[in-house]
Protein backbone atom coordinates (compact mmCIF):
# COMPACT_ATOMS: atom_id res chain seq x y z
CA MET A 1 71.76 109.00 126.07
CA ASN A 2 71.00 110.04 122.49
CA ALA A 3 73.64 111.21 120.07
CA ASP A 4 73.74 112.25 116.43
CA TRP A 5 76.51 113.12 114.01
CA ILE A 6 75.84 116.16 111.83
CA GLN A 7 77.67 116.50 108.52
CA LEU A 8 78.84 120.08 107.98
CA GLU A 9 78.98 121.63 104.53
CA THR A 10 81.96 123.97 104.44
CA PRO A 11 82.94 126.20 101.50
CA ASP A 12 86.60 125.21 101.73
CA SER A 13 88.16 122.13 103.31
CA PRO A 14 91.16 119.82 103.07
CA SER A 15 91.11 117.39 100.16
CA PRO A 16 89.98 113.80 100.88
CA ARG A 17 92.63 111.82 102.77
CA ALA A 18 93.33 109.33 105.55
CA ASN A 19 95.88 109.12 108.38
CA THR A 20 95.92 112.83 109.13
CA ALA A 21 97.18 114.41 112.32
CA ILE A 22 94.42 116.42 114.01
CA THR A 23 94.02 117.97 117.45
CA TYR A 24 92.62 120.99 119.27
CA ASP A 25 94.81 124.08 119.80
CA GLU A 26 93.78 125.73 123.08
CA VAL A 27 95.39 129.09 122.28
CA LEU A 28 93.94 129.44 118.78
CA ARG A 29 90.71 127.80 119.88
CA ASN A 30 90.73 125.90 116.60
CA VAL A 31 91.14 122.33 115.50
CA VAL A 32 94.41 121.96 113.55
CA LEU A 33 94.89 119.33 110.85
CA PHE A 34 98.22 118.41 109.27
CA GLY A 35 99.19 116.04 106.47
CA GLY A 36 97.64 112.71 105.60
CA PHE A 37 97.63 110.34 102.65
CA SER A 38 95.50 109.86 99.54
CA ALA A 39 96.02 107.20 96.87
CA SER A 40 95.96 109.78 94.08
CA HIS A 41 98.29 112.35 95.69
CA GLY A 42 100.45 110.45 98.16
CA GLY A 43 101.45 112.30 101.32
CA HIS A 44 100.21 115.79 102.16
CA SER A 45 102.10 118.54 104.01
CA ASP A 46 99.36 121.13 104.30
CA THR A 47 98.09 122.67 107.54
CA TRP A 48 94.44 123.62 108.13
CA LYS A 49 92.52 125.29 110.99
CA PHE A 50 88.84 124.57 111.74
CA ASP A 51 86.93 127.11 113.85
CA GLY A 52 83.83 124.96 114.37
CA ALA A 53 82.19 126.03 111.12
CA ASN A 54 84.88 126.68 108.48
CA TRP A 55 88.26 125.38 107.39
CA THR A 56 91.11 127.80 106.57
CA GLU A 57 94.41 126.69 105.08
CA VAL A 58 97.52 128.05 106.81
CA HIS A 59 100.54 128.81 104.64
CA PRO A 60 103.58 128.55 106.93
CA ILE A 61 107.01 129.58 105.70
CA GLN A 62 108.47 126.27 106.91
CA ARG A 63 106.64 122.97 107.46
CA PRO A 64 107.27 119.25 107.89
CA THR A 65 107.59 117.13 104.76
CA GLU A 66 104.49 115.38 103.50
CA ARG A 67 103.49 112.45 105.67
CA ALA A 68 100.74 110.31 107.06
CA THR A 69 100.74 110.46 110.85
CA ASN A 70 98.34 110.66 113.74
CA ASN A 71 100.89 112.10 116.15
CA LEU A 72 99.85 115.71 116.64
CA ARG A 73 99.21 116.80 120.22
CA TRP A 74 98.61 120.02 122.11
CA CYS A 75 101.40 120.80 124.57
CA PRO A 76 100.11 123.30 127.18
CA CYS A 77 103.57 123.70 128.73
CA ARG A 78 104.70 125.49 125.55
CA GLU A 79 101.27 126.48 124.22
CA GLN A 80 102.22 124.83 120.93
CA LEU A 81 101.39 121.73 118.95
CA VAL A 82 103.91 118.92 118.58
CA VAL A 83 104.09 116.46 115.67
CA VAL A 84 106.46 113.49 115.77
CA THR A 85 107.32 110.78 113.24
CA GLY A 86 105.11 109.52 110.45
CA VAL A 87 105.51 107.86 107.09
CA LYS A 88 106.51 109.49 103.82
CA PHE A 89 105.18 108.02 100.58
CA SER A 90 107.03 108.06 97.26
CA PRO A 91 105.59 106.89 93.94
CA THR A 92 107.17 103.69 92.66
CA GLY A 93 106.14 104.35 89.06
CA GLY A 94 103.89 101.29 89.14
CA HIS A 95 100.13 100.85 89.36
CA HIS A 96 98.02 98.29 91.19
CA PRO A 97 97.06 95.55 88.69
CA ILE A 98 93.40 95.46 89.80
CA THR A 99 92.54 99.01 90.89
CA GLY A 100 94.93 100.85 88.60
CA GLN A 101 95.89 103.20 91.45
CA ARG A 102 99.47 104.34 91.91
CA VAL A 103 101.72 102.17 94.05
CA TRP A 104 103.65 103.98 96.78
CA SER A 105 106.76 103.04 98.72
CA GLU A 106 106.91 103.93 102.41
CA HIS A 107 109.73 105.54 104.37
CA ASN A 108 109.35 105.99 108.13
CA LEU A 109 110.27 109.42 109.49
CA GLY A 110 111.74 110.23 112.89
CA ASP A 111 111.65 114.01 113.06
CA THR A 112 110.02 116.31 115.63
CA TRP A 113 108.24 119.61 114.87
CA ILE A 114 106.32 122.25 116.85
CA PHE A 115 103.59 124.54 115.50
CA ASP A 116 102.88 127.95 117.05
CA GLY A 117 99.65 128.57 115.14
CA GLU A 118 101.33 130.20 112.15
CA ASN A 119 104.65 128.47 111.50
CA TRP A 120 106.29 125.09 112.00
CA GLN A 121 109.75 124.75 113.52
CA GLU A 122 111.82 121.58 113.38
CA LEU A 123 113.45 120.55 116.64
CA HIS A 124 116.79 118.78 116.60
CA PRO A 125 116.95 116.83 119.87
CA SER A 126 120.18 115.03 120.69
CA THR A 127 118.16 111.83 121.28
CA SER A 128 114.97 110.83 119.44
CA PRO A 129 112.74 107.81 118.92
CA SER A 130 113.67 105.70 115.91
CA PRO A 131 111.69 106.40 112.71
CA ARG A 132 108.23 104.84 112.95
CA GLU A 133 104.61 105.00 111.93
CA GLU A 134 101.37 104.23 113.76
CA ALA A 135 102.78 105.20 117.16
CA CYS A 136 100.47 106.48 119.90
CA MET A 137 101.09 109.90 121.39
CA THR A 138 99.37 112.00 124.05
CA TYR A 139 100.02 114.82 126.49
CA ASP A 140 100.44 113.82 130.14
CA SER A 141 99.14 116.84 132.09
CA MET A 142 100.10 115.37 135.46
CA ASN A 143 103.79 115.28 134.52
CA GLY A 144 103.75 118.06 131.90
CA GLN A 145 105.19 116.04 129.03
CA VAL A 146 104.35 114.56 125.65
CA VAL A 147 104.43 110.73 125.73
CA LEU A 148 105.01 108.53 122.67
CA PHE A 149 104.54 104.75 122.75
CA GLY A 150 105.28 101.99 120.26
CA GLY A 151 104.43 102.01 116.60
CA ARG A 152 105.80 100.14 113.65
CA GLY A 153 109.43 100.47 112.59
CA ASP A 154 110.81 99.37 109.25
CA SER A 155 110.59 95.67 110.07
CA GLU A 156 109.00 95.25 113.51
CA TYR A 157 106.40 96.48 115.96
CA LEU A 158 107.87 98.61 118.72
CA GLY A 159 107.04 98.66 122.44
CA ASP A 160 109.22 101.54 123.62
CA THR A 161 108.12 104.63 125.57
CA TRP A 162 109.52 108.13 125.00
CA VAL A 163 108.82 111.47 126.69
CA LEU A 164 109.56 114.79 125.01
CA VAL A 165 111.42 117.21 127.23
CA LEU A 166 111.00 120.80 125.99
CA ASP A 167 113.45 123.27 127.51
CA GLU A 168 112.59 126.96 127.64
């Protein structure tokens, strides 16, 4: 099997960053990107759609705070995207002695949001996973639920499993 990556040149795109949340939205038929982190900016809270050739920034009325996270998944049961947890970065006022780049403090987040293609809405479940970063999340189509596993809390690695129950 042969395979090649092709770099696309797009007129507009998200700024350079790492640890973004990205997934495919089956209703919009677009890839959706949210957030991320860059050493010069810190956390991002922007939302972008990619149609296979071009990026377009979405300007929702409400959106999650800036964060680095990889927990964005398509939820067919609600035909919406779900983002959970992440890490918020705040400048410490200091700079790295060798690179000169800003130094950032980290604060783990534990909130849950859904995206309908145009706007974000924060959910306020009565029970939620503890704040964490680097968790793994997927959609379980057999059981119709979003599954979150593990991650890193403020002082330890976590091995807990959570399922998101979305009522109509």
